[in-house]
């Protein structure tokens, strides 16, 4: 039977509940049984399950898969070891289960979610590159159905990795050219440049013009398997202070993650969740490709 553990969020701002979900593939892992990863009973009336079907036909059975998702307003993080996986198997199924109802949202049949998986073969060798990955977005099935929502990763026609790899390669080529033409830069300038690139800032905007009565909501961002979230407990108070109807939050990520360094070209996802956003969707998600380190990367999620 597959084993798993999910570490709780680490609170880094007690005033507003901004959380960083930390993980380690040693402490949060699944040992494949070469069958469906039935960690949860998909008929559990209190759970919403996304069955992630991972096509491993063209993946080297080495290392591990780091899975990150945001489903029904909740972070999901799992790692799946591949070293002992049956090489004859073409598909690995991993069930991702979350609560059907929280104090922020109750699952609906049009709520959006995303799931991403990163294939880490050799962390030390790949740390400064862009590991093979794929992402999928979709809508949850009806919360009262016994059928899990299906998410598919690493299908042969997916262009997710190719799009990011193209941006990464283009950025690397430009950086190499820049270094070759600026060899006379002082060490101080070089050190300052390195310092400025230690973090990545992502700013999320949530327009609420059509949902002016929203009381509470959650914003979450994922990049390179790292998830940060912010809960706004009193949306009305903040809107009154703003004098407008657009909530925003800026999330700062350390470029060094548990699965490698965040690179130009990495894909990031953001979601906002609240029962007050229904209808039609209690959770809405968007995505972008990271384009710079020098300034905030902006994304509207509604």
Protein backbone atom coordinates (compact mmCIF):
# COMPACT_ATOMS: atom_id res chain seq x y z
CA UNK A 1 0.00 0.00 0.00
CA UNK A 2 1.33 3.43 -0.90
CA UNK A 3 2.36 5.61 2.00
CA UNK A 4 2.15 9.36 2.12
CA UNK A 5 2.41 12.30 4.43
CA UNK A 6 1.50 15.93 3.95
CA UNK A 7 3.33 18.55 6.00
CA UNK A 8 1.24 21.39 7.30
CA UNK A 9 1.76 24.94 6.10
CA UNK A 10 4.37 27.02 7.84
CA UNK A 11 2.94 30.38 8.84
CA UNK A 12 5.26 33.24 7.95
CA UNK A 13 2.90 36.14 8.59
CA UNK A 14 0.66 35.77 11.62
CA UNK A 15 -1.33 38.88 10.77
CA UNK A 16 -2.70 37.64 7.48
CA UNK A 17 -2.08 33.89 7.34
CA UNK A 18 0.39 33.96 4.45
CA UNK A 19 1.62 30.41 4.29
CA UNK A 20 4.50 28.66 2.60
CA UNK A 21 3.98 24.96 2.06
CA UNK A 22 7.34 23.26 2.57
CA UNK A 23 8.15 19.77 1.47
CA UNK A 24 10.91 17.20 1.13
CA UNK A 25 10.78 14.22 -1.19
CA UNK A 26 12.20 12.15 1.64
CA UNK A 27 9.42 13.02 4.08
CA UNK A 28 6.51 13.34 1.67
CA UNK A 29 6.72 10.37 -0.63
CA UNK A 30 4.79 7.52 -2.18
CA UNK A 31 6.21 4.11 -2.92
CA UNK A 32 4.49 2.96 -6.13
CA UNK A 33 2.68 -0.36 -6.05
CA UNK A 34 2.49 -0.46 -9.87
CA UNK A 35 -1.25 -0.03 -9.49
CA UNK A 36 -3.61 2.86 -8.76
CA UNK A 37 -2.42 4.97 -5.85
CA UNK A 38 -5.63 4.55 -3.82
CA UNK A 39 -4.53 6.58 -0.84
CA UNK A 40 -8.09 7.69 -0.29
CA UNK A 41 -11.44 6.04 -0.80
CA UNK A 42 -12.86 7.86 -3.81
CA UNK A 43 -16.33 7.26 -2.41
CA UNK A 44 -15.58 9.25 0.75
CA UNK A 45 -18.46 11.72 0.94
CA UNK A 46 -16.27 14.33 2.61
CA UNK A 47 -13.56 14.32 -0.06
CA UNK A 48 -13.08 15.61 -3.58
CA UNK A 49 -10.66 13.44 -5.56
CA UNK A 50 -8.64 14.28 -8.66
CA UNK A 51 -7.21 11.12 -10.18
CA UNK A 52 -3.96 12.11 -11.87
CA UNK A 53 -3.08 9.79 -14.73
CA UNK A 54 0.62 10.13 -15.47
CA UNK A 55 1.90 8.76 -18.76
CA UNK A 56 5.29 7.27 -17.88
CA UNK A 57 5.85 5.53 -21.21
CA UNK A 58 8.46 8.09 -22.28
CA UNK A 59 9.85 8.87 -18.83
CA UNK A 60 13.05 7.33 -17.55
CA UNK A 61 12.17 5.27 -14.47
CA UNK A 62 14.69 7.07 -12.32
CA UNK A 63 14.45 9.60 -9.51
CA UNK A 64 11.05 10.89 -8.50
CA UNK A 65 8.04 12.92 -9.60
CA UNK A 66 7.27 16.04 -7.57
CA UNK A 67 3.53 16.78 -7.80
CA UNK A 68 1.98 20.12 -6.83
CA UNK A 69 -1.62 21.16 -7.20
CA UNK A 70 -4.35 23.45 -5.93
CA UNK A 71 -7.77 21.82 -5.64
CA UNK A 72 -10.89 23.30 -4.04
CA UNK A 73 -8.88 26.00 -2.29
CA UNK A 74 -6.35 23.55 -0.84
CA UNK A 75 -2.69 22.86 -1.54
CA UNK A 76 -1.68 19.33 -2.57
CA UNK A 77 1.97 18.23 -2.54
CA UNK A 78 3.24 14.70 -3.17
CA UNK A 79 6.37 13.02 -4.41
CA UNK A 80 6.39 9.66 -6.18
CA UNK A 81 9.54 7.57 -6.31
CA UNK A 82 10.32 5.93 -9.65
CA UNK A 83 13.45 3.92 -8.94
CA UNK A 84 11.50 0.73 -8.19
CA UNK A 85 8.69 1.32 -10.64
CA UNK A 86 7.85 -1.54 -13.00
CA UNK A 87 9.43 -0.50 -16.34
CA UNK A 88 6.74 -2.35 -18.29
CA UNK A 89 3.97 -0.13 -16.93
CA UNK A 90 2.77 2.75 -19.10
CA UNK A 91 0.62 4.67 -16.62
CA UNK A 92 0.85 5.71 -12.98
CA UNK A 93 -2.35 6.83 -11.25
CA UNK A 94 -2.14 9.07 -8.20
CA UNK A 95 -5.25 10.11 -6.29
CA UNK A 96 -5.18 13.67 -4.97
CA UNK A 97 -7.86 14.15 -2.32
CA UNK A 98 -8.95 17.30 -0.51
CA UNK A 99 -11.85 18.27 1.73
CA UNK A 100 -15.13 18.88 -0.05
CA UNK A 101 -15.93 21.83 2.17
CA UNK A 102 -13.76 24.28 4.16
CA UNK A 103 -14.42 27.59 5.88
CA UNK A 104 -13.52 29.28 2.57
CA UNK A 105 -15.18 27.22 -0.14
CA UNK A 106 -17.55 24.36 -0.87
CA UNK A 107 -16.71 22.35 -4.00
CA UNK A 108 -18.77 23.00 -7.12
CA UNK A 109 -18.94 21.33 -10.52
CA UNK A 110 -17.27 24.21 -12.40
CA UNK A 111 -14.52 25.02 -9.93
CA UNK A 112 -11.12 25.19 -11.57
CA UNK A 113 -7.96 23.42 -10.40
CA UNK A 114 -4.44 22.68 -11.61
CA UNK A 115 -1.90 19.88 -11.15
CA UNK A 116 1.78 19.92 -12.16
CA UNK A 117 4.43 17.20 -12.01
CA UNK A 118 8.21 17.61 -12.24
CA UNK A 119 10.46 14.68 -13.14
CA UNK A 120 13.66 14.90 -11.09
CA UNK A 121 16.19 12.29 -12.22
CA UNK A 122 19.32 13.65 -10.55
CA UNK A 123 18.72 16.72 -8.39
CA UNK A 124 22.37 17.79 -8.17
CA UNK A 125 22.99 17.57 -11.91
CA UNK A 126 19.69 19.19 -12.86
CA UNK A 127 19.54 21.83 -10.14
CA UNK A 128 20.39 24.78 -12.40
CA UNK A 129 18.49 23.57 -15.44
CA UNK A 130 14.81 23.06 -16.23
CA UNK A 131 13.64 19.52 -15.41
CA UNK A 132 11.02 17.85 -17.53
CA UNK A 133 7.54 18.78 -16.29
CA UNK A 134 3.90 19.00 -17.31
CA UNK A 135 0.80 20.75 -16.00
CA UNK A 136 -2.93 20.24 -16.43
CA UNK A 137 -5.89 22.47 -15.66
CA UNK A 138 -9.53 21.57 -15.51
CA UNK A 139 -12.92 21.82 -13.84
CA UNK A 140 -14.05 19.60 -11.00
CA UNK A 141 -16.88 17.19 -11.64
CA UNK A 142 -20.01 17.51 -9.53
CA UNK A 143 -19.06 17.26 -5.84
CA UNK A 144 -21.73 14.64 -5.22
CA UNK A 145 -20.63 12.27 -7.95
CA UNK A 146 -18.76 9.09 -7.07
CA UNK A 147 -16.57 9.50 -10.15
CA UNK A 148 -13.24 11.27 -9.55
CA UNK A 149 -12.14 14.13 -11.76
CA UNK A 150 -9.44 12.98 -14.21
CA UNK A 151 -6.24 14.93 -14.80
CA UNK A 152 -3.69 13.81 -17.40
CA UNK A 153 0.03 14.56 -17.38
CA UNK A 154 2.92 13.92 -19.79
CA UNK A 155 0.65 13.07 -22.72
CA UNK A 156 2.51 12.88 -26.03
CA UNK A 157 0.80 16.01 -27.42
CA UNK A 158 1.45 18.29 -24.42
CA UNK A 159 3.38 21.47 -25.29
CA UNK A 160 3.74 22.75 -21.72
CA UNK A 161 7.39 21.79 -21.31
CA UNK A 162 8.36 22.79 -24.84
CA UNK A 163 6.96 26.29 -24.39
CA UNK A 164 8.86 26.80 -21.14
CA UNK A 165 12.05 25.23 -22.46
CA UNK A 166 12.03 27.62 -25.45
CA UNK A 167 11.82 30.64 -23.14
CA UNK A 168 14.51 29.21 -20.86
CA UNK A 169 16.89 28.53 -23.77
CA UNK A 170 16.32 31.97 -25.25
CA UNK A 171 16.97 33.61 -21.88
CA UNK A 172 20.15 31.56 -21.34
CA UNK A 173 21.49 32.54 -24.77
CA UNK A 174 20.83 36.23 -24.12
CA UNK A 175 22.49 36.02 -20.70
CA UNK A 176 25.58 34.38 -22.19
CA UNK A 177 25.82 37.14 -24.81
CA UNK A 178 25.41 39.79 -22.13
CA UNK A 179 28.27 38.35 -20.08
CA UNK A 180 30.55 38.23 -23.10
CA UNK A 181 30.00 41.94 -23.81
CA UNK A 182 30.26 43.11 -20.21
CA UNK A 183 33.44 41.49 -18.96
CA UNK A 184 34.62 44.86 -17.66
CA UNK A 185 31.86 45.02 -15.03
CA UNK A 186 33.11 45.44 -11.47
CA UNK A 187 32.76 42.64 -8.95
CA UNK A 188 30.41 44.90 -6.98
CA UNK A 189 28.02 45.13 -9.92
CA UNK A 190 28.17 41.40 -10.47
CA UNK A 191 27.46 40.71 -6.81
CA UNK A 192 24.55 43.14 -6.83
CA UNK A 193 23.09 41.41 -9.90
CA UNK A 194 23.37 38.01 -8.21
CA UNK A 195 21.76 39.39 -5.06
CA UNK A 196 18.83 40.82 -7.00
CA UNK A 197 18.20 37.44 -8.59
CA UNK A 198 17.93 35.49 -5.35
CA UNK A 199 14.15 36.00 -5.21
CA UNK A 200 11.18 35.95 -7.55
CA UNK A 201 8.21 38.25 -7.02
CA UNK A 202 4.76 37.38 -8.34
CA UNK A 203 1.90 39.86 -7.91
CA UNK A 204 -1.66 38.56 -8.14
CA UNK A 205 -4.68 40.76 -8.84
CA UNK A 206 -8.23 39.63 -8.03
CA UNK A 207 -10.88 41.93 -9.57
CA UNK A 208 -14.13 41.76 -7.60
CA UNK A 209 -16.25 44.33 -9.43
CA UNK A 210 -18.86 41.63 -10.09
CA UNK A 211 -18.56 40.18 -6.56
CA UNK A 212 -18.55 43.26 -4.37
CA UNK A 213 -20.10 41.40 -1.42
CA UNK A 214 -17.29 38.83 -1.11
CA UNK A 215 -16.48 38.27 2.57
CA UNK A 216 -13.47 35.93 2.61
CA UNK A 217 -11.14 34.48 -0.01
CA UNK A 218 -7.85 32.70 -0.52
CA UNK A 219 -5.16 33.41 -3.11
CA UNK A 220 -2.50 30.82 -3.93
CA UNK A 221 0.54 30.76 -6.24
CA UNK A 222 2.69 27.81 -7.32
CA UNK A 223 6.03 27.86 -9.08
CA UNK A 224 8.58 25.04 -9.32
CA UNK A 225 6.63 22.91 -6.86
CA UNK A 226 6.52 25.67 -4.22
CA UNK A 227 3.12 26.98 -3.09
CA UNK A 228 2.40 30.17 -1.16
CA UNK A 229 -1.05 31.36 -0.17
CA UNK A 230 -2.77 34.29 1.51
CA UNK A 231 -6.15 34.29 3.23
CA UNK A 232 -8.05 37.58 3.33
CA UNK A 233 -10.43 37.19 6.25
CA UNK A 234 -12.23 40.51 5.82
CA UNK A 235 -12.48 41.40 2.16
CA UNK A 236 -15.03 44.15 2.79
CA UNK A 237 -12.70 45.98 5.16
CA UNK A 238 -9.90 45.88 2.61
CA UNK A 239 -12.12 47.04 -0.24
CA UNK A 240 -13.27 49.98 1.88
CA UNK A 241 -9.66 50.95 2.55
CA UNK A 242 -8.77 50.64 -1.13
CA UNK A 243 -11.74 52.57 -2.39
CA UNK A 244 -11.96 50.07 -5.23
CA UNK A 245 -12.79 46.47 -6.03
CA UNK A 246 -9.46 44.80 -6.84
CA UNK A 247 -7.58 42.82 -4.20
CA UNK A 248 -3.86 42.23 -4.76
CA UNK A 249 -1.06 40.32 -3.06
CA UNK A 250 2.65 40.02 -3.84
CA UNK A 251 4.37 36.69 -3.15
CA UNK A 252 8.14 36.43 -2.87
CA UNK A 253 9.76 33.08 -3.64
CA UNK A 254 13.34 32.06 -2.95
CA UNK A 255 14.83 30.89 -6.25
CA UNK A 256 16.33 27.88 -4.50
CA UNK A 257 13.64 25.21 -4.18
CA UNK A 258 13.63 21.55 -3.19
CA UNK A 259 13.62 20.49 -6.85
CA UNK A 260 15.95 23.04 -8.41
CA UNK A 261 16.49 26.72 -9.03
CA UNK A 262 13.63 28.80 -10.38
CA UNK A 263 14.50 29.84 -13.92
CA UNK A 264 13.27 32.26 -16.54
CA UNK A 265 10.76 30.13 -18.44
CA UNK A 266 9.37 28.35 -15.38
CA UNK A 267 5.59 28.21 -15.41
CA UNK A 268 3.58 29.56 -12.49
CA UNK A 269 -0.07 29.08 -11.62
CA UNK A 270 -2.33 31.18 -9.42
CA UNK A 271 -5.85 30.58 -8.10
CA UNK A 272 -8.43 32.43 -6.05
CA UNK A 273 -11.06 30.55 -4.06
CA UNK A 274 -14.20 31.60 -2.22
CA UNK A 275 -17.75 30.35 -1.97
CA UNK A 276 -18.74 33.99 -2.50
CA UNK A 277 -17.42 33.84 -6.07
CA UNK A 278 -20.17 31.40 -7.07
CA UNK A 279 -21.83 31.23 -9.47
CA UNK A 280 -20.33 30.15 -11.79
CA UNK A 281 -16.96 29.23 -10.20
CA UNK A 282 -15.84 29.19 -6.60
CA UNK A 283 -12.22 28.68 -7.72
CA UNK A 284 -10.62 30.37 -10.71
CA UNK A 285 -7.05 29.77 -11.92
CA UNK A 286 -4.67 31.28 -14.45
CA UNK A 287 -1.08 30.65 -15.47
CA UNK A 288 1.91 32.43 -17.01
CA UNK A 289 5.55 31.79 -17.87
CA UNK A 290 8.11 33.59 -15.72
CA UNK A 291 9.82 36.27 -17.81
CA UNK A 292 12.02 38.25 -15.41
CA UNK A 293 13.63 38.49 -11.98
CA UNK A 294 14.14 42.26 -11.87
CA UNK A 295 10.50 43.25 -11.37
CA UNK A 296 7.20 41.77 -10.29
CA UNK A 297 5.56 39.19 -12.53
CA UNK A 298 1.89 40.19 -12.72
CA UNK A 299 -1.12 37.91 -13.17
CA UNK A 300 -4.88 38.55 -12.98
CA UNK A 301 -6.78 35.47 -11.82
CA UNK A 302 -10.32 36.64 -12.65
